[in-house]
Every structure is written in C-alpha cells, then in structure tokens.
Amino acid sequence: MDKKQNYQKNLSYLIPEIKRARGYRLYDHKGNRYLDLFQCNGNAILGHRALRLNQVLKNNISKGLVFNLPSIYEHRLKKAISNLFPAFNSIIIVSTLYSGLKAISCYLKREVKFMDIIDPIFTDKIGKIAYWRPFMKMNWNRSEILIPVIPFSMAGTPFIICFKKAFSWIDPYINNIPAVLLAGATRSVYDLKKYTPAQWYREDLLSGCQSWIQKGIYIKHTMNHQIYKGVFMKFLDHGILISPLANSPSILPAEASFGEFKKMIGLFRQIPGEYRTV
C-alpha cells in the first residue's frame, strides 16, 4: 500500500480541532463534546489527564527534567514493564517504532517491517512479534517479542520493546528520551492496575451487531473503507469519536453517562449503510 492509500485510510483529517480533553471526552473549539472511543489508539485507555499523571508531569517539569540526557526514569520504566512481563528478559526503550524495528531486526537477524507486527485485535493468532494491548485475554508468553501499547498519550511517548531472550542494543541514531516522558509513561503503566470497566460493560454488548466485532473492550469493523468513512462521520455527528485509522480498533470507554451509553450502543446496532462521505 503506498503513502497516498495510507493517507486516504486515515480519517483523522475529518476530526474537528480539539480544544481540551478530560477523562473520555473531547471538546472542540465550538464547545461540542465527543465521547472518545479512539483513545489515541489505546494510549489514552485510562482517559485524558488520568489519575495522578498530571501531578507527575508538573513535578518533573518544575525540576527542569525536560532535557534528553540520561535519567533515573529509564530504569524505573523498565522495572514497571518487567513487572508486567516477567517472562521477557530484555527491555529496550526507543523514541520511534522505526528505531525499534531496527533493534528487532538485529535480534532476529533478519529485516523486520511494520507489517510483520501482529495486532491481536485483528487476528485470533498471537504472532512472533505482537502488540500487547491492555486487558486482552491472550497467552502473551507465546510471543517472542512484545511491543506494549502503554497508556500514555503525550506526544513523544517512547516505544517499549520486550524480548524473551537476553538482548542488548543501543540506538546509534536517537538521543535519550526526555525524563518527563519516561516519568509519565512509568506512572501510566503502574496506573493500569487501577483501571475499572464501566458499570454497564459486558463482553457481549455488540452481540448481533452487523459489521462490528467485539473483543473485550476493543471493537473492530468489517466494512470497506468507503462505507466506514460514512459510518465514522455518522458517529462524529452524534458526538462519538470512533477510530479514524484502518489498522486501529475503537475502544469502549471506562466511563460514559447513561445517555451517552444508549446513544453509543444505538449507533453500533444500526446497520451500516451508504452514509454520506466527505
């Protein structure tokens, strides 16, 4: 797929300019509110401005830890990830996924591309290289390499690569990641244990819904792009943001009012049709 096709399958350009975000709600410059089911591709699965994250970021900024020099927070983040994946013996932290692919290629002694990473949302198999998504019921130990989708949505969020076997690698091209980002990511990983699904959540909420498949809190669609584009706009018109990306799921929020819940489920239960395109 070329760059033009990739762009056409990214509907982010249809999203209005967002002025502020809180919890699982976004607000545009006109004051319209949107229930966020995109959640930054899972990086905001704990919501925007979640729990103690704001205070952690403020404290580190006040200490001047915005530089990209070595800090104690890389070790702390690795420790937090190690607690999640005790079967994985090596963890590296990189600033871009491209850099992570270079490390994975070195580990496997062959070239690895983005398409080689399995997202368990879109398959029932666990790949040798897989994204780890919180709260998915999978046997993650069957994978050789995990790339966690961590619950931290700040721009510049580091990528974490976990390897089963001992492996050391230093990126010769990328500088150290700013301490404030590492501290925020660390806090967010620990906060995963505080996540509680919404009271109305069930694993069969979308049972019988045409063109939607629910996997826990995650939702994927089976529509072609043109139909999905219209469906995306229909949800947006009703104040709900579903995933704008072809290769990313929508995610049920951990909180929503009864009115928001009824509207959301009602839209999912409508048969996808030839909705207006933009």
C-alpha atoms as a PDB file:
ATOM      1  CA  MET A   1       0.000   0.000   0.000  1.00  0.00           C
ATOM      2  CA  ASP A   2       1.503   3.356  -0.999  1.00  0.00           C
ATOM      3  CA  LYS A   3       1.579   6.547   1.103  1.00  0.00           C
ATOM      4  CA  LYS A   4      -1.440   8.039  -0.696  1.00  0.00           C
ATOM      5  CA  GLN A   5      -3.580   4.981   0.089  1.00  0.00           C
ATOM      6  CA  ASN A   6      -2.407   5.023   3.706  1.00  0.00           C
ATOM      7  CA  TYR A   7      -3.417   8.681   3.992  1.00  0.00           C
ATOM      8  CA  GLN A   8      -6.823   8.013   2.453  1.00  0.00           C
ATOM      9  CA  LYS A   9      -7.456   5.334   5.083  1.00  0.00           C
ATOM     10  CA  ASN A  10      -6.606   7.768   7.887  1.00  0.00           C
ATOM     11  CA  LEU A  11      -9.736   9.764   8.655  1.00  0.00           C
ATOM     12  CA  SER A  12      -8.091  11.987  11.283  1.00  0.00           C
ATOM     13  CA  TYR A  13      -8.438  14.987   8.976  1.00  0.00           C
ATOM     14  CA  LEU A  14     -12.219  14.793   9.499  1.00  0.00           C
ATOM     15  CA  ILE A  15     -11.924  15.332  13.254  1.00  0.00           C
ATOM     16  CA  PRO A  16     -12.601  18.946  14.334  1.00  0.00           C
ATOM     17  CA  GLU A  17      -9.875  20.865  16.143  1.00  0.00           C
ATOM     18  CA  ILE A  18      -9.874  19.751  19.767  1.00  0.00           C
ATOM     19  CA  LYS A  19      -9.601  22.487  22.382  1.00  0.00           C
ATOM     20  CA  ARG A  20      -9.412  20.367  25.535  1.00  0.00           C
ATOM     21  CA  ALA A  21      -9.746  16.794  26.757  1.00  0.00           C
ATOM     22  CA  ARG A  22     -10.730  15.280  30.066  1.00  0.00           C
ATOM     23  CA  GLY A  23     -11.477  11.699  31.015  1.00  0.00           C
ATOM     24  CA  TYR A  24     -13.023  10.060  27.970  1.00  0.00           C
ATOM     25  CA  ARG A  25     -14.423  13.257  26.495  1.00  0.00           C
ATOM     26  CA  LEU A  26     -13.033  15.686  23.953  1.00  0.00           C
ATOM     27  CA  TYR A  27     -14.219  19.254  23.364  1.00  0.00           C
ATOM     28  CA  ASP A  28     -13.798  21.196  20.143  1.00  0.00           C
ATOM     29  CA  HIS A  29     -13.394  24.968  19.722  1.00  0.00           C
ATOM     30  CA  LYS A  30     -17.158  25.356  19.257  1.00  0.00           C
ATOM     31  CA  GLY A  31     -17.887  23.668  22.571  1.00  0.00           C
ATOM     32  CA  ASN A  32     -19.113  20.382  21.076  1.00  0.00           C
ATOM     33  CA  ARG A  33     -18.391  17.317  23.193  1.00  0.00           C
ATOM     34  CA  TYR A  34     -17.296  13.916  21.877  1.00  0.00           C
ATOM     35  CA  LEU A  35     -17.154  10.601  23.689  1.00  0.00           C
ATOM     36  CA  ASP A  36     -13.696   9.246  22.846  1.00  0.00           C
ATOM     37  CA  LEU A  37     -13.614   5.659  21.592  1.00  0.00           C
ATOM     38  CA  PHE A  38     -10.362   6.174  19.707  1.00  0.00           C
ATOM     39  CA  GLN A  39      -8.327   6.952  22.824  1.00  0.00           C
ATOM     40  CA  CYS A  40      -5.208   7.725  20.800  1.00  0.00           C
ATOM     41  CA  ASN A  41      -5.017   4.145  19.528  1.00  0.00           C
ATOM     42  CA  GLY A  42      -5.041   2.887  23.122  1.00  0.00           C
ATOM     43  CA  ASN A  43      -2.502   5.313  24.558  1.00  0.00           C
ATOM     44  CA  ALA A  44      -5.380   7.119  26.313  1.00  0.00           C
ATOM     45  CA  ILE A  45      -7.101   3.947  27.512  1.00  0.00           C
ATOM     46  CA  LEU A  46      -7.020   5.359  31.060  1.00  0.00           C
ATOM     47  CA  GLY A  47      -8.568   8.587  29.815  1.00  0.00           C
ATOM     48  CA  HIS A  48      -7.098  12.017  29.237  1.00  0.00           C
ATOM     49  CA  ARG A  49      -5.438  13.638  32.269  1.00  0.00           C
ATOM     50  CA  ALA A  50      -5.768  10.320  34.079  1.00  0.00           C
ATOM     51  CA  LEU A  51      -5.321   9.773  37.811  1.00  0.00           C
ATOM     52  CA  ARG A  52      -2.011  11.163  39.132  1.00  0.00           C
ATOM     53  CA  LEU A  53      -0.417  11.694  35.737  1.00  0.00           C
ATOM     54  CA  ASN A  54      -0.865  15.481  35.687  1.00  0.00           C
ATOM     55  CA  GLN A  55       0.943  15.855  39.009  1.00  0.00           C
ATOM     56  CA  VAL A  56       3.828  13.636  37.890  1.00  0.00           C
ATOM     57  CA  LEU A  57       4.308  15.698  34.721  1.00  0.00           C
ATOM     58  CA  LYS A  58       4.100  19.021  36.601  1.00  0.00           C
ATOM     59  CA  ASN A  59       6.615  17.858  39.225  1.00  0.00           C
ATOM     60  CA  ASN A  60       9.156  16.777  36.628  1.00  0.00           C
ATOM     61  CA  ILE A  61       8.738  19.914  34.525  1.00  0.00           C
ATOM     62  CA  SER A  62       9.241  22.025  37.658  1.00  0.00           C
ATOM     63  CA  LYS A  63      12.505  20.122  38.261  1.00  0.00           C
ATOM     64  CA  GLY A  64      13.648  21.022  34.743  1.00  0.00           C
ATOM     65  CA  LEU A  65      13.670  17.389  33.607  1.00  0.00           C
ATOM     66  CA  VAL A  66      12.702  18.183  30.020  1.00  0.00           C
ATOM     67  CA  PHE A  67      16.162  17.538  28.584  1.00  0.00           C
ATOM     68  CA  ASN A  68      17.139  14.457  26.577  1.00  0.00           C
ATOM     69  CA  LEU A  69      20.004  13.412  28.839  1.00  0.00           C
ATOM     70  CA  PRO A  70      20.283  10.169  30.842  1.00  0.00           C
ATOM     71  CA  SER A  71      17.973   9.990  33.866  1.00  0.00           C
ATOM     72  CA  ILE A  72      16.802   7.536  36.518  1.00  0.00           C
ATOM     73  CA  TYR A  73      13.425   7.225  34.837  1.00  0.00           C
ATOM     74  CA  GLU A  74      14.549   4.847  32.098  1.00  0.00           C
ATOM     75  CA  HIS A  75      15.419   2.287  34.778  1.00  0.00           C
ATOM     76  CA  ARG A  76      12.107   2.907  36.557  1.00  0.00           C
ATOM     77  CA  LEU A  77      10.102   2.435  33.373  1.00  0.00           C
ATOM     78  CA  LYS A  78      11.918  -0.818  32.586  1.00  0.00           C
ATOM     79  CA  LYS A  79      11.151  -2.051  36.106  1.00  0.00           C
ATOM     80  CA  ALA A  80       7.455  -1.246  35.684  1.00  0.00           C
ATOM     81  CA  ILE A  81       7.373  -3.134  32.372  1.00  0.00           C
ATOM     82  CA  SER A  82       9.289  -6.082  33.866  1.00  0.00           C
ATOM     83  CA  ASN A  83       6.565  -6.441  36.491  1.00  0.00           C
ATOM     84  CA  LEU A  84       4.012  -6.785  33.674  1.00  0.00           C
ATOM     85  CA  PHE A  85       6.043  -9.294  31.632  1.00  0.00           C
ATOM     86  CA  PRO A  86       8.243 -11.412  33.935  1.00  0.00           C
ATOM     87  CA  ALA A  87       8.818 -13.995  31.164  1.00  0.00           C
ATOM     88  CA  PHE A  88      10.589 -11.423  28.982  1.00  0.00           C
ATOM     89  CA  ASN A  89      14.230 -10.988  29.900  1.00  0.00           C
ATOM     90  CA  SER A  90      15.247  -7.871  27.953  1.00  0.00           C
ATOM     91  CA  ILE A  91      13.561  -4.499  27.552  1.00  0.00           C
ATOM     92  CA  ILE A  92      14.665  -1.597  25.400  1.00  0.00           C
ATOM     93  CA  ILE A  93      13.128   1.861  25.183  1.00  0.00           C
ATOM     94  CA  VAL A  94      13.294   3.812  21.926  1.00  0.00           C
ATOM     95  CA  SER A  95      11.877   7.104  20.706  1.00  0.00           C
ATOM     96  CA  THR A  96      10.383   5.777  17.452  1.00  0.00           C
ATOM     97  CA  LEU A  97       8.913   2.486  16.325  1.00  0.00           C
ATOM     98  CA  TYR A  98      11.198   2.649  13.287  1.00  0.00           C
ATOM     99  CA  SER A  99      14.165   2.522  15.663  1.00  0.00           C
ATOM    100  CA  GLY A 100      12.501  -0.383  17.458  1.00  0.00           C
ATOM    101  CA  LEU A 101      12.223  -2.291  14.183  1.00  0.00           C
ATOM    102  CA  LYS A 102      15.957  -1.862  13.697  1.00  0.00           C
ATOM    103  CA  ALA A 103      16.518  -3.464  17.099  1.00  0.00           C
ATOM    104  CA  ILE A 104      14.079  -6.306  16.370  1.00  0.00           C
ATOM    105  CA  SER A 105      15.807  -6.937  13.038  1.00  0.00           C
ATOM    106  CA  CYS A 106      19.112  -7.187  14.872  1.00  0.00           C
ATOM    107  CA  TYR A 107      17.605  -9.580  17.445  1.00  0.00           C
ATOM    108  CA  LEU A 108      16.049 -11.868  14.801  1.00  0.00           C
ATOM    109  CA  LYS A 109      18.946 -11.456  12.359  1.00  0.00           C
ATOM    110  CA  ARG A 110      16.583 -10.588   9.503  1.00  0.00           C
ATOM    111  CA  GLU A 111      14.817  -7.494   8.230  1.00  0.00           C
ATOM    112  CA  VAL A 112      11.566  -6.751  10.039  1.00  0.00           C
ATOM    113  CA  LYS A 113       8.914  -4.332   8.731  1.00  0.00           C
ATOM    114  CA  PHE A 114       5.832  -2.714  10.285  1.00  0.00           C
ATOM    115  CA  MET A 115       3.551  -5.259   8.602  1.00  0.00           C
ATOM    116  CA  ASP A 116       5.343  -8.071  10.467  1.00  0.00           C
ATOM    117  CA  ILE A 117       3.899  -6.889  13.805  1.00  0.00           C
ATOM    118  CA  ILE A 118       0.689  -8.710  14.711  1.00  0.00           C
ATOM    119  CA  ASP A 119      -2.124  -6.764  16.345  1.00  0.00           C
ATOM    120  CA  PRO A 120      -4.228  -9.322  18.269  1.00  0.00           C
ATOM    121  CA  ILE A 121      -7.343  -7.210  17.658  1.00  0.00           C
ATOM    122  CA  PHE A 122      -7.366  -8.270  14.020  1.00  0.00           C
ATOM    123  CA  THR A 123      -6.442 -11.939  14.315  1.00  0.00           C
ATOM    124  CA  ASP A 124      -7.022 -14.881  16.643  1.00  0.00           C
ATOM    125  CA  LYS A 125      -3.359 -15.814  16.489  1.00  0.00           C
ATOM    126  CA  ILE A 126      -0.526 -14.482  18.605  1.00  0.00           C
ATOM    127  CA  GLY A 127       2.436 -13.635  16.403  1.00  0.00           C
ATOM    128  CA  LYS A 128       6.141 -13.914  16.993  1.00  0.00           C
ATOM    129  CA  ILE A 129       6.147 -10.107  17.104  1.00  0.00           C
ATOM    130  CA  ALA A 130       2.974  -8.673  18.596  1.00  0.00           C
ATOM    131  CA  TYR A 131       1.486  -5.531  20.047  1.00  0.00           C
ATOM    132  CA  TRP A 132       0.409  -6.002  23.649  1.00  0.00           C
ATOM    133  CA  ARG A 133      -2.936  -4.382  24.365  1.00  0.00           C
ATOM    134  CA  PRO A 134      -4.083  -3.983  27.978  1.00  0.00           C
ATOM    135  CA  PHE A 135      -6.927  -6.170  29.243  1.00  0.00           C
ATOM    136  CA  MET A 136      -6.937  -8.508  26.245  1.00  0.00           C
ATOM    137  CA  LYS A 137      -7.208 -12.166  27.175  1.00  0.00           C
ATOM    138  CA  MET A 138      -4.300 -13.692  25.286  1.00  0.00           C
ATOM    139  CA  ASN A 139      -1.420 -16.019  26.102  1.00  0.00           C
ATOM    140  CA  TRP A 140       1.210 -13.340  25.581  1.00  0.00           C
ATOM    141  CA  ASN A 141       4.056 -15.682  26.553  1.00  0.00           C
ATOM    142  CA  ARG A 142       3.618 -17.427  23.194  1.00  0.00           C
ATOM    143  CA  SER A 143       5.117 -14.368  21.529  1.00  0.00           C
ATOM    144  CA  GLU A 144       8.866 -13.876  21.205  1.00  0.00           C
ATOM    145  CA  ILE A 145       8.724 -10.070  21.109  1.00  0.00           C
ATOM    146  CA  LEU A 146       6.087  -7.755  22.586  1.00  0.00           C
ATOM    147  CA  ILE A 147       5.504  -4.082  21.851  1.00  0.00           C
ATOM    148  CA  PRO A 148       3.228  -2.773  24.624  1.00  0.00           C
ATOM    149  CA  VAL A 149       0.655  -0.095  23.821  1.00  0.00           C
ATOM    150  CA  ILE A 150       1.198   1.858  27.027  1.00  0.00           C
ATOM    151  CA  PRO A 151      -1.485   4.170  28.465  1.00  0.00           C
ATOM    152  CA  PHE A 152       0.345   7.449  27.919  1.00  0.00           C
ATOM    153  CA  SER A 153      -0.794   9.707  25.093  1.00  0.00           C
ATOM    154  CA  MET A 154       1.626  12.642  25.324  1.00  0.00           C
ATOM    155  CA  ALA A 155       3.419  13.477  22.069  1.00  0.00           C
ATOM    156  CA  GLY A 156       6.852  11.848  22.019  1.00  0.00           C
ATOM    157  CA  THR A 157       5.741   8.859  24.097  1.00  0.00           C
ATOM    158  CA  PRO A 158       8.540   6.255  23.939  1.00  0.00           C
ATOM    159  CA  PHE A 159       8.143   2.830  22.402  1.00  0.00           C
ATOM    160  CA  ILE A 160       8.997  -0.208  24.505  1.00  0.00           C
ATOM    161  CA  ILE A 161      10.215  -3.494  23.028  1.00  0.00           C
ATOM    162  CA  CYS A 162      10.263  -6.634  25.193  1.00  0.00           C
ATOM    163  CA  PHE A 163      12.370  -9.648  24.190  1.00  0.00           C
ATOM    164  CA  LYS A 164      12.116 -13.210  25.519  1.00  0.00           C
ATOM    165  CA  LYS A 165      15.865 -13.784  25.393  1.00  0.00           C
ATOM    166  CA  ALA A 166      18.676 -11.656  26.752  1.00  0.00           C
ATOM    167  CA  PHE A 167      19.451  -8.876  24.296  1.00  0.00           C
ATOM    168  CA  SER A 168      21.280  -5.572  24.482  1.00  0.00           C
ATOM    169  CA  TRP A 169      21.088  -2.859  21.873  1.00  0.00           C
ATOM    170  CA  ILE A 170      21.992   0.804  21.738  1.00  0.00           C
ATOM    171  CA  ASP A 171      20.400   3.004  19.117  1.00  0.00           C
ATOM    172  CA  PRO A 172      23.259   4.882  17.453  1.00  0.00           C
ATOM    173  CA  TYR A 173      20.979   7.490  15.874  1.00  0.00           C
ATOM    174  CA  ILE A 174      18.492   8.560  18.559  1.00  0.00           C
ATOM    175  CA  ASN A 175      19.207  10.723  21.617  1.00  0.00           C
ATOM    176  CA  ASN A 176      17.964   9.865  25.092  1.00  0.00           C
ATOM    177  CA  ILE A 177      14.252  10.290  25.722  1.00  0.00           C
ATOM    178  CA  PRO A 178      13.320  13.304  27.918  1.00  0.00           C
ATOM    179  CA  ALA A 179      12.939  12.351  31.575  1.00  0.00           C
ATOM    180  CA  VAL A 180       9.473  13.902  31.845  1.00  0.00           C
ATOM    181  CA  LEU A 181       8.156  11.490  29.173  1.00  0.00           C
ATOM    182  CA  LEU A 182       9.741   8.473  30.846  1.00  0.00           C
ATOM    183  CA  ALA A 183       8.300   9.509  34.218  1.00  0.00           C
ATOM    184  CA  GLY A 184       4.828   9.962  32.724  1.00  0.00           C
ATOM    185  CA  ALA A 185       4.978   6.593  30.960  1.00  0.00           C
ATOM    186  CA  THR A 186       6.111   4.904  34.195  1.00  0.00           C
ATOM    187  CA  ARG A 187       3.237   6.384  36.193  1.00  0.00           C
ATOM    188  CA  SER A 188       0.766   5.320  33.498  1.00  0.00           C
ATOM    189  CA  VAL A 189       1.991   1.711  33.466  1.00  0.00           C
ATOM    190  CA  TYR A 190       1.507   1.427  37.236  1.00  0.00           C
ATOM    191  CA  ASP A 191      -1.921   3.054  36.937  1.00  0.00           C
ATOM    192  CA  LEU A 192      -3.124   0.203  34.687  1.00  0.00           C
ATOM    193  CA  LYS A 193      -3.941  -1.810  37.809  1.00  0.00           C
ATOM    194  CA  LYS A 194      -6.429   0.901  38.827  1.00  0.00           C
ATOM    195  CA  TYR A 195      -8.482   0.549  35.653  1.00  0.00           C
ATOM    196  CA  THR A 196     -12.121  -0.419  36.193  1.00  0.00           C
ATOM    197  CA  PRO A 197     -14.507  -1.040  33.279  1.00  0.00           C
ATOM    198  CA  ALA A 198     -17.720   0.947  33.142  1.00  0.00           C
ATOM    199  CA  GLN A 199     -20.626  -0.454  35.198  1.00  0.00           C
ATOM    200  CA  TRP A 200     -22.572  -1.131  32.010  1.00  0.00           C
ATOM    201  CA  TYR A 201     -19.732  -3.073  30.366  1.00  0.00           C
ATOM    202  CA  ARG A 202     -20.335  -6.601  29.104  1.00  0.00           C
ATOM    203  CA  GLU A 203     -18.355  -8.770  26.711  1.00  0.00           C
ATOM    204  CA  ASP A 204     -21.442  -9.289  24.544  1.00  0.00           C
ATOM    205  CA  LEU A 205     -22.547  -5.647  24.232  1.00  0.00           C
ATOM    206  CA  LEU A 206     -22.261  -5.771  20.454  1.00  0.00           C
ATOM    207  CA  SER A 207     -23.535  -9.306  20.011  1.00  0.00           C
ATOM    208  CA  GLY A 208     -25.540  -9.450  16.802  1.00  0.00           C
ATOM    209  CA  CYS A 209     -24.329  -6.068  15.551  1.00  0.00           C
ATOM    210  CA  GLN A 210     -23.665  -6.244  11.829  1.00  0.00           C
ATOM    211  CA  SER A 211     -20.115  -5.387  10.705  1.00  0.00           C
ATOM    212  CA  TRP A 212     -18.764  -4.950  14.274  1.00  0.00           C
ATOM    213  CA  ILE A 213     -16.736  -7.494  16.253  1.00  0.00           C
ATOM    214  CA  GLN A 214     -16.129  -7.004  19.968  1.00  0.00           C
ATOM    215  CA  LYS A 215     -13.048  -8.417  21.696  1.00  0.00           C
ATOM    216  CA  GLY A 216     -13.340  -7.420  25.324  1.00  0.00           C
ATOM    217  CA  ILE A 217     -13.272  -3.621  25.417  1.00  0.00           C
ATOM    218  CA  TYR A 218     -11.922  -3.471  21.852  1.00  0.00           C
ATOM    219  CA  ILE A 219     -14.049  -3.183  18.705  1.00  0.00           C
ATOM    220  CA  LYS A 220     -13.055  -3.796  15.086  1.00  0.00           C
ATOM    221  CA  HIS A 221     -15.168  -3.319  11.981  1.00  0.00           C
ATOM    222  CA  THR A 222     -15.523  -5.446   8.842  1.00  0.00           C
ATOM    223  CA  MET A 223     -16.659  -2.700   6.408  1.00  0.00           C
ATOM    224  CA  ASN A 224     -14.908  -1.476   3.309  1.00  0.00           C
ATOM    225  CA  HIS A 225     -13.271   1.919   3.631  1.00  0.00           C
ATOM    226  CA  GLN A 226     -15.908   3.979   1.816  1.00  0.00           C
ATOM    227  CA  ILE A 227     -18.740   2.632   3.967  1.00  0.00           C
ATOM    228  CA  TYR A 228     -16.657   3.019   7.125  1.00  0.00           C
ATOM    229  CA  LYS A 229     -15.921   6.633   6.224  1.00  0.00           C
ATOM    230  CA  GLY A 230     -19.652   7.384   6.235  1.00  0.00           C
ATOM    231  CA  VAL A 231     -20.156   5.455   9.476  1.00  0.00           C
ATOM    232  CA  PHE A 232     -17.267   7.360  11.050  1.00  0.00           C
ATOM    233  CA  MET A 233     -18.946  10.660  10.157  1.00  0.00           C
ATOM    234  CA  LYS A 234     -22.322   9.452  11.457  1.00  0.00           C
ATOM    235  CA  PHE A 235     -20.789   8.676  14.850  1.00  0.00           C
ATOM    236  CA  LEU A 236     -18.948  12.013  14.848  1.00  0.00           C
ATOM    237  CA  ASP A 237     -22.152  13.891  14.022  1.00  0.00           C
ATOM    238  CA  HIS A 238     -23.688  12.288  17.116  1.00  0.00           C
ATOM    239  CA  GLY A 239     -20.778  13.254  19.375  1.00  0.00           C
ATOM    240  CA  ILE A 240     -18.834   9.979  19.367  1.00  0.00           C
ATOM    241  CA  LEU A 241     -15.309   9.544  18.033  1.00  0.00           C
ATOM    242  CA  ILE A 242     -14.545   6.035  16.809  1.00  0.00           C
ATOM    243  CA  SER A 243     -11.162   5.042  15.408  1.00  0.00           C
ATOM    244  CA  PRO A 244     -10.143   7.088  12.348  1.00  0.00           C
ATOM    245  CA  LEU A 245      -7.451   4.556  11.417  1.00  0.00           C
ATOM    246  CA  ALA A 246      -7.896   1.490   9.227  1.00  0.00           C
ATOM    247  CA  ASN A 247      -5.494  -0.557  11.350  1.00  0.00           C
ATOM    248  CA  SER A 248      -6.620   0.579  14.805  1.00  0.00           C
ATOM    249  CA  PRO A 249      -9.608  -0.524  16.923  1.00  0.00           C
ATOM    250  CA  SER A 250     -12.214   1.542  18.677  1.00  0.00           C
ATOM    251  CA  ILE A 251     -12.214   1.081  22.464  1.00  0.00           C
ATOM    252  CA  LEU A 252     -15.150   1.144  24.862  1.00  0.00           C
ATOM    253  CA  PRO A 253     -14.594   3.926  27.416  1.00  0.00           C
ATOM    254  CA  ALA A 254     -14.314   3.173  31.131  1.00  0.00           C
ATOM    255  CA  GLU A 255     -16.972   5.777  31.810  1.00  0.00           C
ATOM    256  CA  ALA A 256     -19.983   7.203  29.985  1.00  0.00           C
ATOM    257  CA  SER A 257     -23.281   8.621  31.134  1.00  0.00           C
ATOM    258  CA  PHE A 258     -26.435   6.547  30.636  1.00  0.00           C
ATOM    259  CA  GLY A 259     -27.422   8.854  27.779  1.00  0.00           C
ATOM    260  CA  GLU A 260     -24.007   8.508  26.119  1.00  0.00           C
ATOM    261  CA  PHE A 261     -24.149   4.735  26.548  1.00  0.00           C
ATOM    262  CA  LYS A 262     -27.601   4.467  24.927  1.00  0.00           C
ATOM    263  CA  LYS A 263     -26.540   6.656  22.010  1.00  0.00           C
ATOM    264  CA  MET A 264     -23.291   4.719  21.503  1.00  0.00           C
ATOM    265  CA  ILE A 265     -24.916   1.271  21.562  1.00  0.00           C
ATOM    266  CA  GLY A 266     -27.784   2.504  19.400  1.00  0.00           C
ATOM    267  CA  LEU A 267     -25.353   3.640  16.707  1.00  0.00           C
ATOM    268  CA  PHE A 268     -23.449   0.354  16.793  1.00  0.00           C
ATOM    269  CA  ARG A 269     -26.719  -1.555  16.396  1.00  0.00           C
ATOM    270  CA  GLN A 270     -27.751   0.374  13.294  1.00  0.00           C
ATOM    271  CA  ILE A 271     -26.971  -1.489  10.087  1.00  0.00           C
ATOM    272  CA  PRO A 272     -24.023   0.276   8.373  1.00  0.00           C
ATOM    273  CA  GLY A 273     -25.238   1.814   5.131  1.00  0.00           C
ATOM    274  CA  GLU A 274     -24.049   4.186   2.481  1.00  0.00           C
ATOM    275  CA  TYR A 275     -23.642   7.115   4.820  1.00  0.00           C
ATOM    276  CA  ARG A 276     -22.543  10.442   3.469  1.00  0.00           C
ATOM    277  CA  THR A 277     -18.863  10.776   2.639  1.00  0.00           C
ATOM    278  CA  VAL A 278     -16.650  13.836   2.793  1.00  0.00           C
END
